[in-house]
Amino acid sequence: MPQTRKILTLHSPIGADVVDQLLTSIEDALHRVGATRVWIDPRSTHDLTVMAELPDAADRADAAEVPDPRLIDESDAVRS
C-alpha cells in the first residue's frame, strides 16, 4: 500500500523558470523510484510543499533507508 510522504518544501521567492525545472526534476526522480502520485499540497501558500505517494518500504525488497541529508558530508554532494 502506498504511503503519502511530504518530500520537500520549496521556499519562495525564486524565478518561475527555476521552480519549473526543479519541480519537473523532482517529479521525474520520484516516479523513477516508484511514486504513484506526485502533487503540490493545496494547503501550501507562499512556499510550495511537494507530496508523493511512495511504495511502502516493507513491500520493496530493494528499499534502502534514506540518510538524513543533514548528515551527508558536503564532499558527497553532486556539483555542476
C-alpha atoms as a PDB file:
ATOM      1  CA  MET A   1       0.000   0.000   0.000  1.00  0.00           C
ATOM      2  CA  PRO A   2       1.491   3.399  -0.961  1.00  0.00           C
ATOM      3  CA  GLN A   3       2.301   5.861   1.795  1.00  0.00           C
ATOM      4  CA  THR A   4       1.804   9.605   1.444  1.00  0.00           C
ATOM      5  CA  ARG A   5       5.048  11.442   2.160  1.00  0.00           C
ATOM      6  CA  LYS A   6       5.995  15.099   2.413  1.00  0.00           C
ATOM      7  CA  ILE A   7       9.011  15.298   0.092  1.00  0.00           C
ATOM      8  CA  LEU A   8      10.163  18.893   0.395  1.00  0.00           C
ATOM      9  CA  THR A   9       9.127  22.493   0.800  1.00  0.00           C
ATOM     10  CA  LEU A  10      10.372  24.907  -1.816  1.00  0.00           C
ATOM     11  CA  HIS A  11      10.716  28.360  -0.293  1.00  0.00           C
ATOM     12  CA  SER A  12       9.798  31.398  -2.311  1.00  0.00           C
ATOM     13  CA  PRO A  13      10.717  33.685  -3.939  1.00  0.00           C
ATOM     14  CA  ILE A  14      12.600  32.150  -6.806  1.00  0.00           C
ATOM     15  CA  GLY A  15      12.002  32.579 -10.512  1.00  0.00           C
ATOM     16  CA  ALA A  16       9.251  30.676 -12.280  1.00  0.00           C
ATOM     17  CA  ASP A  17      11.765  29.026 -14.637  1.00  0.00           C
ATOM     18  CA  VAL A  18      13.784  27.721 -11.689  1.00  0.00           C
ATOM     19  CA  VAL A  19      10.636  26.430  -9.981  1.00  0.00           C
ATOM     20  CA  ASP A  20       9.507  24.683 -13.169  1.00  0.00           C
ATOM     21  CA  GLN A  21      12.864  22.970 -13.704  1.00  0.00           C
ATOM     22  CA  LEU A  22      13.180  21.914 -10.054  1.00  0.00           C
ATOM     23  CA  LEU A  23       9.667  20.536  -9.819  1.00  0.00           C
ATOM     24  CA  THR A  24       9.993  18.662 -13.117  1.00  0.00           C
ATOM     25  CA  SER A  25      13.269  17.076 -11.980  1.00  0.00           C
ATOM     26  CA  ILE A  26      11.848  16.131  -8.595  1.00  0.00           C
ATOM     27  CA  GLU A  27       8.721  14.642 -10.154  1.00  0.00           C
ATOM     28  CA  ASP A  28      10.786  12.600 -12.639  1.00  0.00           C
ATOM     29  CA  ALA A  29      13.038  11.297  -9.842  1.00  0.00           C
ATOM     30  CA  LEU A  30      10.086  10.335  -7.659  1.00  0.00           C
ATOM     31  CA  HIS A  31       8.406   8.435 -10.491  1.00  0.00           C
ATOM     32  CA  ARG A  32      11.680   6.597 -11.200  1.00  0.00           C
ATOM     33  CA  VAL A  33      11.747   5.296  -7.618  1.00  0.00           C
ATOM     34  CA  GLY A  34       8.138   4.159  -7.751  1.00  0.00           C
ATOM     35  CA  ALA A  35       5.961   7.113  -6.768  1.00  0.00           C
ATOM     36  CA  THR A  36       2.424   6.530  -7.953  1.00  0.00           C
ATOM     37  CA  ARG A  37       1.351  10.140  -7.478  1.00  0.00           C
ATOM     38  CA  VAL A  38       3.211  13.469  -7.065  1.00  0.00           C
ATOM     39  CA  TRP A  39       1.492  16.781  -6.296  1.00  0.00           C
ATOM     40  CA  ILE A  40       1.756  20.211  -4.671  1.00  0.00           C
ATOM     41  CA  ASP A  41      -0.081  20.353  -1.351  1.00  0.00           C
ATOM     42  CA  PRO A  42      -3.003  22.732  -1.987  1.00  0.00           C
ATOM     43  CA  ARG A  43      -2.755  23.979   1.612  1.00  0.00           C
ATOM     44  CA  SER A  44       0.723  25.385   0.964  1.00  0.00           C
ATOM     45  CA  THR A  45       0.624  29.108   0.400  1.00  0.00           C
ATOM     46  CA  HIS A  46       3.768  31.111  -0.426  1.00  0.00           C
ATOM     47  CA  ASP A  47       6.033  28.068  -0.154  1.00  0.00           C
ATOM     48  CA  LEU A  48       5.340  25.007  -2.303  1.00  0.00           C
ATOM     49  CA  THR A  49       5.135  21.678  -0.479  1.00  0.00           C
ATOM     50  CA  VAL A  50       5.752  18.663  -2.716  1.00  0.00           C
ATOM     51  CA  MET A  51       3.925  15.483  -1.712  1.00  0.00           C
ATOM     52  CA  ALA A  52       4.142  11.967  -3.135  1.00  0.00           C
ATOM     53  CA  GLU A  53       2.655   8.518  -2.735  1.00  0.00           C
ATOM     54  CA  LEU A  54       5.552   6.097  -2.464  1.00  0.00           C
ATOM     55  CA  PRO A  55       5.553   2.325  -2.103  1.00  0.00           C
ATOM     56  CA  ASP A  56       5.704   1.078   1.456  1.00  0.00           C
ATOM     57  CA  ALA A  57       9.359   0.187   2.126  1.00  0.00           C
ATOM     58  CA  ALA A  58       8.272  -3.156   3.592  1.00  0.00           C
ATOM     59  CA  ASP A  59       6.788  -4.084   0.195  1.00  0.00           C
ATOM     60  CA  ARG A  60      10.054  -3.448  -1.675  1.00  0.00           C
ATOM     61  CA  ALA A  61      12.963  -5.850  -1.400  1.00  0.00           C
ATOM     62  CA  ASP A  62      15.382  -3.232  -2.770  1.00  0.00           C
ATOM     63  CA  ALA A  63      14.238  -0.429  -0.456  1.00  0.00           C
ATOM     64  CA  ALA A  64      17.070   1.226   1.414  1.00  0.00           C
ATOM     65  CA  GLU A  65      16.951   3.609   4.316  1.00  0.00           C
ATOM     66  CA  VAL A  66      17.353   7.181   3.080  1.00  0.00           C
ATOM     67  CA  PRO A  67      20.047   9.025   5.050  1.00  0.00           C
ATOM     68  CA  ASP A  68      19.293  12.256   6.843  1.00  0.00           C
ATOM     69  CA  PRO A  69      20.554  14.920   4.386  1.00  0.00           C
ATOM     70  CA  ARG A  70      21.944  16.949   7.279  1.00  0.00           C
ATOM     71  CA  LEU A  71      24.370  14.098   7.962  1.00  0.00           C
ATOM     72  CA  ILE A  72      25.730  13.830   4.421  1.00  0.00           C
ATOM     73  CA  ASP A  73      29.250  15.168   4.061  1.00  0.00           C
ATOM     74  CA  GLU A  74      29.406  18.178   1.728  1.00  0.00           C
ATOM     75  CA  SER A  75      32.090  16.402  -0.313  1.00  0.00           C
ATOM     76  CA  ASP A  76      29.424  13.791  -1.241  1.00  0.00           C
ATOM     77  CA  ALA A  77      27.223  16.434  -2.861  1.00  0.00           C
ATOM     78  CA  VAL A  78      26.871  16.492  -6.639  1.00  0.00           C
ATOM     79  CA  ARG A  79      28.284  19.639  -8.169  1.00  0.00           C
ATOM     80  CA  SER A  80      27.637  21.010 -11.629  1.00  0.00           C
END
